Amino acid sequence: MGALHVHEFVTADGVIDAPEWTFEYEFLPGMLEAIGAVTDRCTGILLGRKTYEEFEEPWSTRTDGDPGTAFFNDTRKYVVSSTLTDPTWRNSEAIGPYDPERIRRLKDEAGNLYVSGSGTLVRAMLADGLVDELHLLVYPVTRGSGPQLFAEGAKPLTMQLAGSAAFDHGVVYLNYRPAT
C-alpha cells in the first residue's frame, strides 16, 4: 500500500493560500533536499482541480534543469474534480469528484502519492484519515486571514514529529505523521 505525502507552504499562522509570500525567501539547498526526499519516494501526484490548473501552465512549459520540472511533467498526475474531465497536461488523469474510497484504492494502485497545495482536497483527506505524512515549509510571516491548513471545527489530530530542519532565513521544515 502506498502512502499519501502532503507538502504545503504555510505561514506561521497556518495560511496556505497562493504562496506569493514565499518569494522573498530564497529556496535554499536544504529546503530543496527536504522536498526532493519526498518527491523521490512518490510515483504519482494527486491534485485538486484548482491547483492542477495553477500548476499546469508554469510546469508544463518548463525545460530547465530544476528537479521539480521532471517530477511534475513526467510523473503520473491524478486530478480530483467533478468538473474537469479531460486534463491536457501530459500524464494526467481526472479521477472524478472527491471520494475517500477512491483515494484509498489509488494509494493501493499507484503507490506513494505527492500532494501540493490543493487545500480543499487536503482538508478532506485529513478529516478522512488519508494523509500519511505532512511536509510543511513554515515561513516566518503571518497573513491574518486566508485559507487554513486545518479547517475551523476540524476533528483534532495528534501527530508525531518525523523530521525537521531550520534554515538561516527563518523558514522551518516540519515532517509530521499521524500519532499511532
Protein backbone atom coordinates (compact mmCIF):
# COMPACT_ATOMS: atom_id res chain seq x y z
CA MET A 1 0.00 0.00 0.00
CA GLY A 2 1.25 3.45 -0.86
CA ALA A 3 1.40 6.48 1.37
CA LEU A 4 -0.04 9.93 0.84
CA HIS A 5 2.52 12.73 1.34
CA VAL A 6 1.18 16.27 1.61
CA HIS A 7 3.57 19.18 1.07
CA GLU A 8 2.45 22.71 1.90
CA PHE A 9 3.97 26.15 2.12
CA VAL A 10 2.39 27.60 5.25
CA THR A 11 2.60 30.86 7.17
CA ALA A 12 3.27 30.92 10.91
CA ASP A 13 -0.47 31.48 11.42
CA GLY A 14 -1.46 28.47 9.29
CA VAL A 15 -2.45 30.09 5.99
CA ILE A 16 -1.86 28.05 2.83
CA ASP A 17 -3.17 30.36 0.11
CA ALA A 18 -1.25 31.02 -3.12
CA PRO A 19 2.26 31.38 -1.69
CA GLU A 20 3.45 34.64 -3.21
CA TRP A 21 4.57 35.48 0.33
CA THR A 22 7.38 32.91 -0.08
CA PHE A 23 9.06 34.77 -2.95
CA GLU A 24 11.24 36.99 -0.76
CA TYR A 25 12.80 33.88 0.81
CA GLU A 26 15.47 32.08 -1.17
CA PHE A 27 14.69 28.39 -1.73
CA LEU A 28 17.82 27.11 -0.03
CA PRO A 29 19.51 23.79 -0.91
CA GLY A 30 18.34 22.19 2.35
CA MET A 31 14.74 23.06 1.50
CA LEU A 32 15.17 21.51 -1.94
CA GLU A 33 16.68 18.40 -0.34
CA ALA A 34 13.77 18.06 2.10
CA ILE A 35 11.13 18.25 -0.63
CA GLY A 36 13.26 16.20 -3.03
CA ALA A 37 13.38 13.41 -0.47
CA VAL A 38 9.58 13.36 -0.56
CA THR A 39 9.16 13.53 -4.33
CA ASP A 40 11.85 10.88 -4.84
CA ARG A 41 9.62 8.41 -2.95
CA CYS A 42 6.46 9.25 -4.89
CA THR A 43 5.24 7.56 -8.05
CA GLY A 44 2.17 9.75 -8.53
CA ILE A 45 0.90 13.26 -7.93
CA LEU A 46 -2.60 13.90 -6.58
CA LEU A 47 -4.02 17.39 -7.11
CA GLY A 48 -7.30 19.21 -6.75
CA ARG A 49 -8.61 20.89 -9.90
CA LYS A 50 -7.65 24.44 -8.96
CA THR A 51 -4.06 23.52 -8.06
CA TYR A 52 -3.79 21.36 -11.18
CA GLU A 53 -4.81 24.36 -13.30
CA GLU A 54 -2.40 26.66 -11.43
CA PHE A 55 0.49 24.20 -11.86
CA GLU A 56 -0.13 23.15 -15.47
CA GLU A 57 0.92 26.31 -17.28
CA PRO A 58 4.18 27.10 -15.48
CA TRP A 59 5.38 23.50 -15.06
CA SER A 60 4.29 22.00 -18.40
CA THR A 61 6.27 24.56 -20.39
CA ARG A 62 9.48 24.40 -18.35
CA THR A 63 12.55 22.70 -19.76
CA ASP A 64 15.15 23.83 -17.23
CA GLY A 65 17.30 21.60 -15.03
CA ASP A 66 15.14 22.14 -11.93
CA PRO A 67 14.44 18.67 -10.45
CA GLY A 68 10.82 19.73 -9.99
CA THR A 69 10.43 20.12 -13.76
CA ALA A 70 10.99 16.44 -14.49
CA PHE A 71 8.95 15.35 -11.48
CA PHE A 72 5.89 17.44 -12.32
CA ASN A 73 5.97 16.71 -16.04
CA ASP A 74 6.96 13.05 -16.10
CA THR A 75 5.11 11.72 -13.07
CA ARG A 76 1.54 10.46 -13.42
CA LYS A 77 -0.93 13.09 -12.18
CA TYR A 78 -4.38 12.30 -10.76
CA VAL A 79 -6.83 15.19 -10.62
CA VAL A 80 -9.73 15.18 -8.19
CA SER A 81 -12.53 17.17 -9.82
CA SER A 82 -16.23 16.99 -10.55
CA THR A 83 -15.84 19.45 -13.44
CA LEU A 84 -12.52 18.70 -15.15
CA THR A 85 -12.92 15.61 -17.29
CA ASP A 86 -10.20 15.89 -19.94
CA PRO A 87 -6.93 17.23 -18.50
CA THR A 88 -4.44 18.40 -21.11
CA TRP A 89 -1.16 18.24 -19.17
CA ARG A 90 0.65 15.08 -20.22
CA ASN A 91 0.47 12.10 -17.87
CA SER A 92 -2.73 13.44 -16.29
CA GLU A 93 -5.96 11.67 -15.47
CA ALA A 94 -9.17 13.06 -13.98
CA ILE A 95 -10.48 10.66 -11.32
CA GLY A 96 -13.80 12.35 -10.60
CA PRO A 97 -15.11 14.14 -7.52
CA TYR A 98 -13.62 13.58 -4.08
CA ASP A 99 -14.30 10.08 -2.82
CA PRO A 100 -12.24 8.82 0.13
CA GLU A 101 -12.62 5.20 -1.01
CA ARG A 102 -11.29 6.10 -4.46
CA ILE A 103 -8.27 7.77 -2.83
CA ARG A 104 -7.64 4.66 -0.70
CA ARG A 105 -7.76 2.48 -3.83
CA LEU A 106 -5.46 4.90 -5.65
CA LYS A 107 -2.89 4.61 -2.85
CA ASP A 108 -3.01 0.82 -3.32
CA GLU A 109 -2.80 1.02 -7.12
CA ALA A 110 -0.40 3.92 -7.69
CA GLY A 111 1.87 3.69 -4.66
CA ASN A 112 3.19 6.75 -2.87
CA LEU A 113 1.36 9.93 -3.83
CA TYR A 114 2.57 13.53 -3.55
CA VAL A 115 0.10 16.34 -2.92
CA SER A 116 0.93 20.03 -3.01
CA GLY A 117 -1.45 22.93 -2.50
CA SER A 118 -4.95 21.58 -3.08
CA GLY A 119 -6.25 22.95 0.23
CA THR A 120 -9.84 21.76 -0.11
CA LEU A 121 -8.68 18.28 -1.07
CA VAL A 122 -6.08 18.16 1.70
CA ARG A 123 -8.57 19.24 4.39
CA ALA A 124 -10.98 16.50 3.26
CA MET A 125 -8.23 13.87 3.25
CA LEU A 126 -7.05 14.96 6.71
CA ALA A 127 -10.62 14.65 8.01
CA ASP A 128 -10.90 11.17 6.48
CA GLY A 129 -7.55 9.98 7.89
CA LEU A 130 -5.95 9.50 4.47
CA VAL A 131 -2.81 11.61 4.96
CA ASP A 132 0.22 9.57 5.96
CA GLU A 133 2.72 12.43 6.20
CA LEU A 134 2.64 16.22 6.29
CA HIS A 135 5.70 18.03 4.92
CA LEU A 136 5.42 21.69 5.88
CA LEU A 137 7.70 24.57 4.99
CA VAL A 138 6.66 27.13 7.60
CA TYR A 139 7.55 30.73 6.71
CA PRO A 140 8.14 33.42 9.34
CA VAL A 141 5.24 35.56 8.16
CA THR A 142 1.59 35.88 9.09
CA ARG A 143 -1.32 36.68 6.81
CA GLY A 144 -4.01 37.35 9.39
CA SER A 145 -6.61 35.65 7.24
CA GLY A 146 -6.87 33.20 4.40
CA PRO A 147 -7.44 29.52 3.83
CA GLN A 148 -6.06 27.45 6.69
CA LEU A 149 -4.40 24.05 6.52
CA PHE A 150 -6.82 22.77 9.15
CA ALA A 151 -10.46 23.76 8.73
CA GLU A 152 -12.18 25.54 11.57
CA GLY A 153 -14.03 22.96 13.63
CA ALA A 154 -11.97 20.08 12.21
CA LYS A 155 -11.59 16.98 14.34
CA PRO A 156 -8.43 17.29 16.47
CA LEU A 157 -5.42 15.43 15.10
CA THR A 158 -2.39 14.30 17.07
CA MET A 159 0.84 13.96 15.12
CA GLN A 160 4.37 12.86 15.82
CA LEU A 161 7.42 14.66 14.52
CA ALA A 162 9.27 12.58 11.92
CA GLY A 163 11.82 15.18 10.89
CA SER A 164 12.67 18.87 10.99
CA ALA A 165 15.19 21.44 9.85
CA ALA A 166 15.61 25.16 10.43
CA PHE A 167 17.07 27.45 7.80
CA ASP A 168 19.07 30.65 8.24
CA HIS A 169 16.32 32.92 6.88
CA GLY A 170 13.76 31.63 9.37
CA VAL A 171 11.89 29.04 7.31
CA VAL A 172 11.38 25.76 9.16
CA TYR A 173 10.73 22.33 7.63
CA LEU A 174 8.46 20.08 9.68
CA ASN A 175 7.59 16.49 8.79
CA TYR A 176 4.69 15.00 10.76
CA ARG A 177 2.98 11.62 10.77
CA PRO A 178 -0.28 10.78 12.49
CA ALA A 179 0.43 9.54 16.01
CA THR A 180 -0.16 5.84 16.45
